[in-house]
Amino acid sequence: MSGRIDFERVNRAALQNAEAVVRSFLPDGRREGAEWVARNPTRPDHRPGSLKCNLTTGKGADFATGDRWGDLVGMAAYLKGLPQREAAIRLAEALGVNPFA
């Protein structure tokens, strides 16, 4: 697949379904106000709380490691170990959105 990725479109669609998107990546988490609080599945994390994602903005971080992302595409890339482009394409496909500009 080639072409320019419309990251804004993909992120907008993801934010419209933020809780479902975050839950699909972090199913053992829970909502606390405007944030999704979970364990980090990329490392041996024993308790929820160090990893948080804002459901309004998509920004999040693992506060134990300092890893951060600025949107839900970034979260998908971080959690799945993918480049941003590949994460955007996969997330767009899951949401039924055309990822290409």
PDB file of N, CA and C in Angstrom:
ATOM      1  N   MET A   1       0.844  -1.172   0.000  1.00  0.00           N
ATOM      2  CA  MET A   1       0.000   0.000   0.000  1.00  0.00           C
ATOM      3  C   MET A   1       0.892   1.239   0.000  1.00  0.00           C
ATOM      4  N   SER A   2       0.620   2.112  -0.943  1.00  0.00           N
ATOM      5  CA  SER A   2       1.399   3.335  -0.991  1.00  0.00           C
ATOM      6  C   SER A   2       0.449   4.515  -0.986  1.00  0.00           C
ATOM      7  N   GLY A   3       0.987   5.674  -0.743  1.00  0.00           N
ATOM      8  CA  GLY A   3       0.192   6.886  -0.663  1.00  0.00           C
ATOM      9  C   GLY A   3       0.384   7.554   0.681  1.00  0.00           C
ATOM     10  N   ARG A   4       0.024   8.798   0.704  1.00  0.00           N
ATOM     11  CA  ARG A   4       0.179   9.592   1.919  1.00  0.00           C
ATOM     12  C   ARG A   4      -0.937   9.237   2.897  1.00  0.00           C
ATOM     13  N   ILE A   5      -0.584   9.040   4.141  1.00  0.00           N
ATOM     14  CA  ILE A   5      -1.551   8.706   5.186  1.00  0.00           C
ATOM     15  C   ILE A   5      -2.178   9.989   5.715  1.00  0.00           C
ATOM     16  N   ASP A   6      -3.483   9.981   5.869  1.00  0.00           N
ATOM     17  CA  ASP A   6      -4.196  11.104   6.473  1.00  0.00           C
ATOM     18  C   ASP A   6      -4.335  10.796   7.972  1.00  0.00           C
ATOM     19  N   PHE A   7      -3.266  11.103   8.714  1.00  0.00           N
ATOM     20  CA  PHE A   7      -3.238  10.797  10.142  1.00  0.00           C
ATOM     21  C   PHE A   7      -4.357  11.528  10.886  1.00  0.00           C
ATOM     22  N   GLU A   8      -4.654  12.739  10.456  1.00  0.00           N
ATOM     23  CA  GLU A   8      -5.714  13.511  11.116  1.00  0.00           C
ATOM     24  C   GLU A   8      -7.063  12.798  10.995  1.00  0.00           C
ATOM     25  N   ARG A   9      -7.372  12.285   9.826  1.00  0.00           N
ATOM     26  CA  ARG A   9      -8.636  11.554   9.616  1.00  0.00           C
ATOM     27  C   ARG A   9      -8.690  10.304  10.494  1.00  0.00           C
ATOM     28  N   VAL A  10      -7.596   9.567  10.505  1.00  0.00           N
ATOM     29  CA  VAL A  10      -7.572   8.329  11.297  1.00  0.00           C
ATOM     30  C   VAL A  10      -7.719   8.654  12.779  1.00  0.00           C
ATOM     31  N   ASN A  11      -6.992   9.653  13.257  1.00  0.00           N
ATOM     32  CA  ASN A  11      -7.093  10.014  14.668  1.00  0.00           C
ATOM     33  C   ASN A  11      -8.464  10.558  15.027  1.00  0.00           C
ATOM     34  N   ARG A  12      -9.059  11.328  14.145  1.00  0.00           N
ATOM     35  CA  ARG A  12     -10.403  11.854  14.394  1.00  0.00           C
ATOM     36  C   ARG A  12     -11.402  10.701  14.544  1.00  0.00           C
ATOM     37  N   ALA A  13     -11.320   9.725  13.650  1.00  0.00           N
ATOM     38  CA  ALA A  13     -12.206   8.560  13.730  1.00  0.00           C
ATOM     39  C   ALA A  13     -11.938   7.764  15.008  1.00  0.00           C
ATOM     40  N   ALA A  14     -10.680   7.619  15.358  1.00  0.00           N
ATOM     41  CA  ALA A  14     -10.332   6.875  16.573  1.00  0.00           C
ATOM     42  C   ALA A  14     -10.857   7.591  17.813  1.00  0.00           C
ATOM     43  N   LEU A  15     -10.740   8.915  17.858  1.00  0.00           N
ATOM     44  CA  LEU A  15     -11.226   9.662  19.020  1.00  0.00           C
ATOM     45  C   LEU A  15     -12.741   9.589  19.149  1.00  0.00           C
ATOM     46  N   GLN A  16     -13.448   9.481  18.038  1.00  0.00           N
ATOM     47  CA  GLN A  16     -14.905   9.353  18.092  1.00  0.00           C
ATOM     48  C   GLN A  16     -15.309   8.038  18.751  1.00  0.00           C
ATOM     49  N   ASN A  17     -14.390   7.087  18.765  1.00  0.00           N
ATOM     50  CA  ASN A  17     -14.626   5.763  19.363  1.00  0.00           C
ATOM     51  C   ASN A  17     -13.523   5.451  20.380  1.00  0.00           C
ATOM     52  N   ALA A  18     -13.061   6.464  21.069  1.00  0.00           N
ATOM     53  CA  ALA A  18     -11.850   6.333  21.890  1.00  0.00           C
ATOM     54  C   ALA A  18     -11.912   5.208  22.912  1.00  0.00           C
ATOM     55  N   GLU A  19     -12.992   5.101  23.652  1.00  0.00           N
ATOM     56  CA  GLU A  19     -13.032   4.070  24.686  1.00  0.00           C
ATOM     57  C   GLU A  19     -12.965   2.678  24.079  1.00  0.00           C
ATOM     58  N   ALA A  20     -13.669   2.449  22.988  1.00  0.00           N
ATOM     59  CA  ALA A  20     -13.633   1.137  22.328  1.00  0.00           C
ATOM     60  C   ALA A  20     -12.245   0.854  21.763  1.00  0.00           C
ATOM     61  N   VAL A  21     -11.609   1.865  21.184  1.00  0.00           N
ATOM     62  CA  VAL A  21     -10.267   1.692  20.627  1.00  0.00           C
ATOM     63  C   VAL A  21      -9.280   1.340  21.733  1.00  0.00           C
ATOM     64  N   VAL A  22      -9.287   2.115  22.797  1.00  0.00           N
ATOM     65  CA  VAL A  22      -8.341   1.887  23.894  1.00  0.00           C
ATOM     66  C   VAL A  22      -8.620   0.543  24.565  1.00  0.00           C
ATOM     67  N   ARG A  23      -9.894   0.223  24.738  1.00  0.00           N
ATOM     68  CA  ARG A  23     -10.254  -1.063  25.345  1.00  0.00           C
ATOM     69  C   ARG A  23      -9.743  -2.238  24.496  1.00  0.00           C
ATOM     70  N   SER A  24      -9.739  -2.079  23.168  1.00  0.00           N
ATOM     71  CA  SER A  24      -9.277  -3.174  22.311  1.00  0.00           C
ATOM     72  C   SER A  24      -7.779  -3.429  22.477  1.00  0.00           C
ATOM     73  N   PHE A  25      -7.013  -2.389  22.796  1.00  0.00           N
ATOM     74  CA  PHE A  25      -5.571  -2.540  23.006  1.00  0.00           C
ATOM     75  C   PHE A  25      -5.236  -2.867  24.456  1.00  0.00           C
ATOM     76  N   LEU A  26      -6.068  -2.398  25.375  1.00  0.00           N
ATOM     77  CA  LEU A  26      -5.807  -2.548  26.804  1.00  0.00           C
ATOM     78  C   LEU A  26      -7.068  -3.072  27.501  1.00  0.00           C
ATOM     79  N   PRO A  27      -7.450  -4.327  27.215  1.00  0.00           N
ATOM     80  CA  PRO A  27      -8.738  -4.836  27.692  1.00  0.00           C
ATOM     81  C   PRO A  27      -8.860  -4.981  29.207  1.00  0.00           C
ATOM     82  N   ASP A  28      -7.749  -5.038  29.917  1.00  0.00           N
ATOM     83  CA  ASP A  28      -7.857  -5.195  31.369  1.00  0.00           C
ATOM     84  C   ASP A  28      -7.849  -3.851  32.087  1.00  0.00           C
ATOM     85  N   GLY A  29      -7.914  -2.762  31.331  1.00  0.00           N
ATOM     86  CA  GLY A  29      -7.935  -1.432  31.932  1.00  0.00           C
ATOM     87  C   GLY A  29      -9.323  -1.037  32.380  1.00  0.00           C
ATOM     88  N   ARG A  30      -9.400   0.195  32.886  1.00  0.00           N
ATOM     89  CA  ARG A  30     -10.683   0.725  33.342  1.00  0.00           C
ATOM     90  C   ARG A  30     -10.707   2.236  33.136  1.00  0.00           C
ATOM     91  N   ARG A  31     -11.909   2.744  33.011  1.00  0.00           N
ATOM     92  CA  ARG A  31     -12.083   4.183  32.850  1.00  0.00           C
ATOM     93  C   ARG A  31     -12.058   4.839  34.224  1.00  0.00           C
ATOM     94  N   GLU A  32     -11.290   5.923  34.321  1.00  0.00           N
ATOM     95  CA  GLU A  32     -11.281   6.767  35.516  1.00  0.00           C
ATOM     96  C   GLU A  32     -11.425   8.199  35.021  1.00  0.00           C
ATOM     97  N   GLY A  33     -12.640   8.709  35.089  1.00  0.00           N
ATOM     98  CA  GLY A  33     -12.901  10.045  34.564  1.00  0.00           C
ATOM     99  C   GLY A  33     -12.693  10.062  33.059  1.00  0.00           C
ATOM    100  N   ALA A  34     -11.817  10.931  32.596  1.00  0.00           N
ATOM    101  CA  ALA A  34     -11.540  11.050  31.156  1.00  0.00           C
ATOM    102  C   ALA A  34     -10.345  10.214  30.727  1.00  0.00           C
ATOM    103  N   GLU A  35      -9.854   9.333  31.615  1.00  0.00           N
ATOM    104  CA  GLU A  35      -8.666   8.545  31.285  1.00  0.00           C
ATOM    105  C   GLU A  35      -8.946   7.053  31.348  1.00  0.00           C
ATOM    106  N   TRP A  36      -8.187   6.316  30.528  1.00  0.00           N
ATOM    107  CA  TRP A  36      -8.180   4.862  30.582  1.00  0.00           C
ATOM    108  C   TRP A  36      -6.913   4.481  31.323  1.00  0.00           C
ATOM    109  N   VAL A  37      -7.043   3.732  32.381  1.00  0.00           N
ATOM    110  CA  VAL A  37      -5.933   3.346  33.241  1.00  0.00           C
ATOM    111  C   VAL A  37      -5.729   1.844  33.098  1.00  0.00           C
ATOM    112  N   ALA A  38      -4.478   1.447  32.828  1.00  0.00           N
ATOM    113  CA  ALA A  38      -4.229   0.028  32.564  1.00  0.00           C
ATOM    114  C   ALA A  38      -2.804  -0.350  32.925  1.00  0.00           C
ATOM    115  N   ARG A  39      -2.535  -1.642  32.799  1.00  0.00           N
ATOM    116  CA  ARG A  39      -1.158  -2.141  32.867  1.00  0.00           C
ATOM    117  C   ARG A  39      -0.565  -2.040  31.474  1.00  0.00           C
ATOM    118  N   ASN A  40       0.735  -1.914  31.405  1.00  0.00           N
ATOM    119  CA  ASN A  40       1.419  -1.859  30.116  1.00  0.00           C
ATOM    120  C   ASN A  40       1.718  -3.286  29.665  1.00  0.00           C
ATOM    121  N   PRO A  41       1.087  -3.734  28.563  1.00  0.00           N
ATOM    122  CA  PRO A  41       1.319  -5.104  28.114  1.00  0.00           C
ATOM    123  C   PRO A  41       2.673  -5.312  27.440  1.00  0.00           C
ATOM    124  N   THR A  42       3.448  -4.259  27.244  1.00  0.00           N
ATOM    125  CA  THR A  42       4.754  -4.403  26.595  1.00  0.00           C
ATOM    126  C   THR A  42       5.872  -4.691  27.583  1.00  0.00           C
ATOM    127  N   ARG A  43       5.539  -4.734  28.865  1.00  0.00           N
ATOM    128  CA  ARG A  43       6.545  -5.021  29.891  1.00  0.00           C
ATOM    129  C   ARG A  43       5.863  -5.702  31.069  1.00  0.00           C
ATOM    130  N   PRO A  44       6.634  -6.266  31.984  1.00  0.00           N
ATOM    131  CA  PRO A  44       6.022  -6.939  33.142  1.00  0.00           C
ATOM    132  C   PRO A  44       5.474  -5.913  34.155  1.00  0.00           C
ATOM    133  N   ASP A  45       4.308  -5.418  33.883  1.00  0.00           N
ATOM    134  CA  ASP A  45       3.645  -4.417  34.720  1.00  0.00           C
ATOM    135  C   ASP A  45       2.631  -5.145  35.591  1.00  0.00           C
ATOM    136  N   HIS A  46       2.729  -4.992  36.900  1.00  0.00           N
ATOM    137  CA  HIS A  46       1.905  -5.786  37.808  1.00  0.00           C
ATOM    138  C   HIS A  46       0.596  -5.134  38.214  1.00  0.00           C
ATOM    139  N   ARG A  47       0.540  -3.787  38.187  1.00  0.00           N
ATOM    140  CA  ARG A  47      -0.673  -3.111  38.635  1.00  0.00           C
ATOM    141  C   ARG A  47      -1.085  -2.041  37.638  1.00  0.00           C
ATOM    142  N   PRO A  48      -2.369  -1.880  37.424  1.00  0.00           N
ATOM    143  CA  PRO A  48      -2.835  -0.781  36.570  1.00  0.00           C
ATOM    144  C   PRO A  48      -2.496   0.562  37.216  1.00  0.00           C
ATOM    145  N   GLY A  49      -2.244   1.537  36.387  1.00  0.00           N
ATOM    146  CA  GLY A  49      -2.017   2.876  36.912  1.00  0.00           C
ATOM    147  C   GLY A  49      -0.829   3.590  36.309  1.00  0.00           C
ATOM    148  N   SER A  50       0.210   2.852  35.956  1.00  0.00           N
ATOM    149  CA  SER A  50       1.368   3.547  35.390  1.00  0.00           C
ATOM    150  C   SER A  50       1.109   3.969  33.953  1.00  0.00           C
ATOM    151  N   LEU A  51       0.229   3.260  33.257  1.00  0.00           N
ATOM    152  CA  LEU A  51      -0.093   3.590  31.869  1.00  0.00           C
ATOM    153  C   LEU A  51      -1.485   4.218  31.842  1.00  0.00           C
ATOM    154  N   LYS A  52      -1.558   5.417  31.261  1.00  0.00           N
ATOM    155  CA  LYS A  52      -2.834   6.124  31.164  1.00  0.00           C
ATOM    156  C   LYS A  52      -2.976   6.729  29.782  1.00  0.00           C
ATOM    157  N   CYS A  53      -4.228   6.770  29.309  1.00  0.00           N
ATOM    158  CA  CYS A  53      -4.533   7.380  28.027  1.00  0.00           C
ATOM    159  C   CYS A  53      -5.751   8.273  28.199  1.00  0.00           C
ATOM    160  N   ASN A  54      -5.638   9.534  27.774  1.00  0.00           N
ATOM    161  CA  ASN A  54      -6.748  10.467  27.837  1.00  0.00           C
ATOM    162  C   ASN A  54      -7.722  10.142  26.714  1.00  0.00           C
ATOM    163  N   LEU A  55      -8.969   9.888  27.055  1.00  0.00           N
ATOM    164  CA  LEU A  55      -9.970   9.490  26.069  1.00  0.00           C
ATOM    165  C   LEU A  55     -10.502  10.665  25.248  1.00  0.00           C
ATOM    166  N   THR A  56     -10.205  11.880  25.662  1.00  0.00           N
ATOM    167  CA  THR A  56     -10.630  13.063  24.930  1.00  0.00           C
ATOM    168  C   THR A  56      -9.596  13.474  23.891  1.00  0.00           C
ATOM    169  N   THR A  57      -8.322  13.378  24.256  1.00  0.00           N
ATOM    170  CA  THR A  57      -7.248  13.837  23.367  1.00  0.00           C
ATOM    171  C   THR A  57      -6.489  12.706  22.689  1.00  0.00           C
ATOM    172  N   GLY A  58      -6.480  11.521  23.288  1.00  0.00           N
ATOM    173  CA  GLY A  58      -5.696  10.401  22.781  1.00  0.00           C
ATOM    174  C   GLY A  58      -4.273  10.391  23.298  1.00  0.00           C
ATOM    175  N   LYS A  59      -3.876  11.442  24.005  1.00  0.00           N
ATOM    176  CA  LYS A  59      -2.513  11.500  24.550  1.00  0.00           C
ATOM    177  C   LYS A  59      -2.387  10.545  25.722  1.00  0.00           C
ATOM    178  N   GLY A  60      -1.192  10.002  25.883  1.00  0.00           N
ATOM    179  CA  GLY A  60      -1.000   9.085  26.986  1.00  0.00           C
ATOM    180  C   GLY A  60       0.456   8.816  27.254  1.00  0.00           C
ATOM    181  N   ALA A  61       0.685   8.014  28.294  1.00  0.00           N
ATOM    182  CA  ALA A  61       2.053   7.724  28.688  1.00  0.00           C
ATOM    183  C   ALA A  61       2.106   6.525  29.612  1.00  0.00           C
ATOM    184  N   ASP A  62       3.292   5.937  29.655  1.00  0.00           N
ATOM    185  CA  ASP A  62       3.635   4.981  30.700  1.00  0.00           C
ATOM    186  C   ASP A  62       4.536   5.777  31.636  1.00  0.00           C
ATOM    187  N   PHE A  63       4.008   6.164  32.762  1.00  0.00           N
ATOM    188  CA  PHE A  63       4.726   7.029  33.681  1.00  0.00           C
ATOM    189  C   PHE A  63       5.876   6.326  34.383  1.00  0.00           C
ATOM    190  N   ALA A  64       5.906   4.999  34.343  1.00  0.00           N
ATOM    191  CA  ALA A  64       7.014   4.253  34.932  1.00  0.00           C
ATOM    192  C   ALA A  64       8.245   4.269  34.030  1.00  0.00           C
ATOM    193  N   THR A  65       8.027   4.331  32.715  1.00  0.00           N
ATOM    194  CA  THR A  65       9.155   4.283  31.776  1.00  0.00           C
ATOM    195  C   THR A  65       9.433   5.616  31.089  1.00  0.00           C
ATOM    196  N   GLY A  66       8.453   6.518  31.109  1.00  0.00           N
ATOM    197  CA  GLY A  66       8.605   7.798  30.416  1.00  0.00           C
ATOM    198  C   GLY A  66       8.173   7.756  28.958  1.00  0.00           C
ATOM    199  N   ASP A  67       7.722   6.592  28.476  1.00  0.00           N
ATOM    200  CA  ASP A  67       7.229   6.497  27.096  1.00  0.00           C
ATOM    201  C   ASP A  67       5.933   7.289  26.982  1.00  0.00           C
ATOM    202  N   ARG A  68       5.799   8.058  25.878  1.00  0.00           N
ATOM    203  CA  ARG A  68       4.618   8.901  25.673  1.00  0.00           C
ATOM    204  C   ARG A  68       4.148   8.819  24.232  1.00  0.00           C
ATOM    205  N   TRP A  69       2.872   9.154  24.003  1.00  0.00           N
ATOM    206  CA  TRP A  69       2.341   9.283  22.657  1.00  0.00           C
ATOM    207  C   TRP A  69       1.381  10.466  22.644  1.00  0.00           C
ATOM    208  N   GLY A  70       1.173  11.015  21.457  1.00  0.00           N
ATOM    209  CA  GLY A  70       0.367  12.219  21.325  1.00  0.00           C
ATOM    210  C   GLY A  70      -1.020  12.000  20.763  1.00  0.00           C
ATOM    211  N   ASP A  71      -1.319  10.774  20.339  1.00  0.00           N
ATOM    212  CA  ASP A  71      -2.639  10.469  19.775  1.00  0.00           C
ATOM    213  C   ASP A  71      -2.834   8.965  19.762  1.00  0.00           C
ATOM    214  N   LEU A  72      -4.014   8.536  19.322  1.00  0.00           N
ATOM    215  CA  LEU A  72      -4.321   7.101  19.371  1.00  0.00           C
ATOM    216  C   LEU A  72      -3.551   6.288  18.338  1.00  0.00           C
ATOM    217  N   VAL A  73      -3.153   6.901  17.232  1.00  0.00           N
ATOM    218  CA  VAL A  73      -2.260   6.197  16.299  1.00  0.00           C
ATOM    219  C   VAL A  73      -0.928   5.935  16.994  1.00  0.00           C
ATOM    220  N   GLY A  74      -0.430   6.938  17.703  1.00  0.00           N
ATOM    221  CA  GLY A  74       0.817   6.774  18.448  1.00  0.00           C
ATOM    222  C   GLY A  74       0.707   5.695  19.510  1.00  0.00           C
ATOM    223  N   MET A  75      -0.443   5.624  20.182  1.00  0.00           N
ATOM    224  CA  MET A  75      -0.654   4.571  21.173  1.00  0.00           C
ATOM    225  C   MET A  75      -0.611   3.198  20.517  1.00  0.00           C
ATOM    226  N   ALA A  76      -1.309   3.052  19.381  1.00  0.00           N
ATOM    227  CA  ALA A  76      -1.312   1.778  18.676  1.00  0.00           C
ATOM    228  C   ALA A  76       0.093   1.391  18.233  1.00  0.00           C
ATOM    229  N   ALA A  77       0.838   2.364  17.719  1.00  0.00           N
ATOM    230  CA  ALA A  77       2.216   2.097  17.284  1.00  0.00           C
ATOM    231  C   ALA A  77       3.070   1.650  18.466  1.00  0.00           C
ATOM    232  N   TYR A  78       2.950   2.343  19.580  1.00  0.00           N
ATOM    233  CA  TYR A  78       3.735   2.017  20.771  1.00  0.00           C
ATOM    234  C   TYR A  78       3.398   0.619  21.292  1.00  0.00           C
ATOM    235  N   LEU A  79       2.116   0.341  21.473  1.00  0.00           N
ATOM    236  CA  LEU A  79       1.714  -0.932  22.075  1.00  0.00           C
ATOM    237  C   LEU A  79       1.968  -2.130  21.171  1.00  0.00           C
ATOM    238  N   LYS A  80       1.887  -1.940  19.857  1.00  0.00           N
ATOM    239  CA  LYS A  80       2.096  -3.051  18.923  1.00  0.00           C
ATOM    240  C   LYS A  80       3.501  -3.084  18.339  1.00  0.00           C
ATOM    241  N   GLY A  81       4.332  -2.107  18.674  1.00  0.00           N
ATOM    242  CA  GLY A  81       5.703  -2.087  18.161  1.00  0.00           C
ATOM    243  C   GLY A  81       5.759  -1.861  16.664  1.00  0.00           C
ATOM    244  N   LEU A  82       4.882  -0.995  16.158  1.00  0.00           N
ATOM    245  CA  LEU A  82       4.788  -0.740  14.724  1.00  0.00           C
ATOM    246  C   LEU A  82       5.229   0.682  14.377  1.00  0.00           C
ATOM    247  N   PRO A  83       5.654   0.894  13.128  1.00  0.00           N
ATOM    248  CA  PRO A  83       5.859   2.269  12.670  1.00  0.00           C
ATOM    249  C   PRO A  83       4.507   2.995  12.645  1.00  0.00           C
ATOM    250  N   GLN A  84       4.519   4.309  12.775  1.00  0.00           N
ATOM    251  CA  GLN A  84       3.299   5.112  12.778  1.00  0.00           C
ATOM    252  C   GLN A  84       2.427   4.830  11.553  1.00  0.00           C
ATOM    253  N   ARG A  85       3.038   4.730  10.400  1.00  0.00           N
ATOM    254  CA  ARG A  85       2.284   4.502   9.160  1.00  0.00           C
ATOM    255  C   ARG A  85       1.491   3.192   9.228  1.00  0.00           C
ATOM    256  N   GLU A  86       2.165   2.125   9.618  1.00  0.00           N
ATOM    257  CA  GLU A  86       1.505   0.815   9.694  1.00  0.00           C
ATOM    258  C   GLU A  86       0.414   0.820  10.754  1.00  0.00           C
ATOM    259  N   ALA A  87       0.681   1.454  11.885  1.00  0.00           N
ATOM    260  CA  ALA A  87      -0.329   1.541  12.940  1.00  0.00           C
ATOM    261  C   ALA A  87      -1.554   2.305  12.449  1.00  0.00           C
ATOM    262  N   ALA A  88      -1.341   3.386  11.710  1.00  0.00           N
ATOM    263  CA  ALA A  88      -2.458   4.178  11.186  1.00  0.00           C
ATOM    264  C   ALA A  88      -3.287   3.363  10.201  1.00  0.00           C
ATOM    265  N   ILE A  89      -2.638   2.621   9.335  1.00  0.00           N
ATOM    266  CA  ILE A  89      -3.361   1.803   8.356  1.00  0.00           C
ATOM    267  C   ILE A  89      -4.187   0.732   9.065  1.00  0.00           C
ATOM    268  N   ARG A  90      -3.594   0.036  10.018  1.00  0.00           N
ATOM    269  CA  ARG A  90      -4.322  -1.024  10.738  1.00  0.00           C
ATOM    270  C   ARG A  90      -5.491  -0.464  11.547  1.00  0.00           C
ATOM    271  N   LEU A  91      -5.252   0.673  12.210  1.00  0.00           N
ATOM    272  CA  LEU A  91      -6.313   1.285  13.000  1.00  0.00           C
ATOM    273  C   LEU A  91      -7.444   1.761  12.091  1.00  0.00           C
ATOM    274  N   ALA A  92      -7.097   2.364  10.970  1.00  0.00           N
ATOM    275  CA  ALA A  92      -8.110   2.826  10.017  1.00  0.00           C
ATOM    276  C   ALA A  92      -8.935   1.660   9.488  1.00  0.00           C
ATOM    277  N   GLU A  93      -8.278   0.566   9.164  1.00  0.00           N
ATOM    278  CA  GLU A  93      -9.002  -0.614   8.679  1.00  0.00           C
ATOM    279  C   GLU A  93      -9.973  -1.133   9.738  1.00  0.00           C
ATOM    280  N   ALA A  94      -9.540  -1.148  10.988  1.00  0.00           N
ATOM    281  CA  ALA A  94     -10.407  -1.618  12.073  1.00  0.00           C
ATOM    282  C   ALA A  94     -11.604  -0.692  12.262  1.00  0.00           C
ATOM    283  N   LEU A  95     -11.416   0.589  11.967  1.00  0.00           N
ATOM    284  CA  LEU A  95     -12.486   1.567  12.141  1.00  0.00           C
ATOM    285  C   LEU A  95     -13.339   1.755  10.886  1.00  0.00           C
ATOM    286  N   GLY A  96     -12.933   1.122   9.782  1.00  0.00           N
ATOM    287  CA  GLY A  96     -13.658   1.275   8.533  1.00  0.00           C
ATOM    288  C   GLY A  96     -13.448   2.628   7.877  1.00  0.00           C
ATOM    289  N   VAL A  97     -12.241   3.180   8.046  1.00  0.00           N
ATOM    290  CA  VAL A  97     -11.901   4.494   7.516  1.00  0.00           C
ATOM    291  C   VAL A  97     -10.803   4.353   6.477  1.00  0.00           C
ATOM    292  N   ASN A  98     -10.872   5.142   5.427  1.00  0.00           N
ATOM    293  CA  ASN A  98      -9.805   5.166   4.420  1.00  0.00           C
ATOM    294  C   ASN A  98      -8.618   5.933   5.023  1.00  0.00           C
ATOM    295  N   PRO A  99      -7.457   5.286   5.174  1.00  0.00           N
ATOM    296  CA  PRO A  99      -6.324   5.962   5.789  1.00  0.00           C
ATOM    297  C   PRO A  99      -5.561   6.877   4.849  1.00  0.00           C
ATOM    298  N   PHE A 100      -5.850   6.800   3.560  1.00  0.00           N
ATOM    299  CA  PHE A 100      -5.054   7.531   2.578  1.00  0.00           C
ATOM    300  C   PHE A 100      -5.669   8.879   2.232  1.00  0.00           C
ATOM    301  N   ALA A 101      -4.787   9.849   2.061  1.00  0.00           N
ATOM    302  CA  ALA A 101      -5.219  11.219   1.724  1.00  0.00           C
ATOM    303  C   ALA A 101      -5.690  11.283   0.291  1.00  0.00           C
TER     304      ALA A 101
END
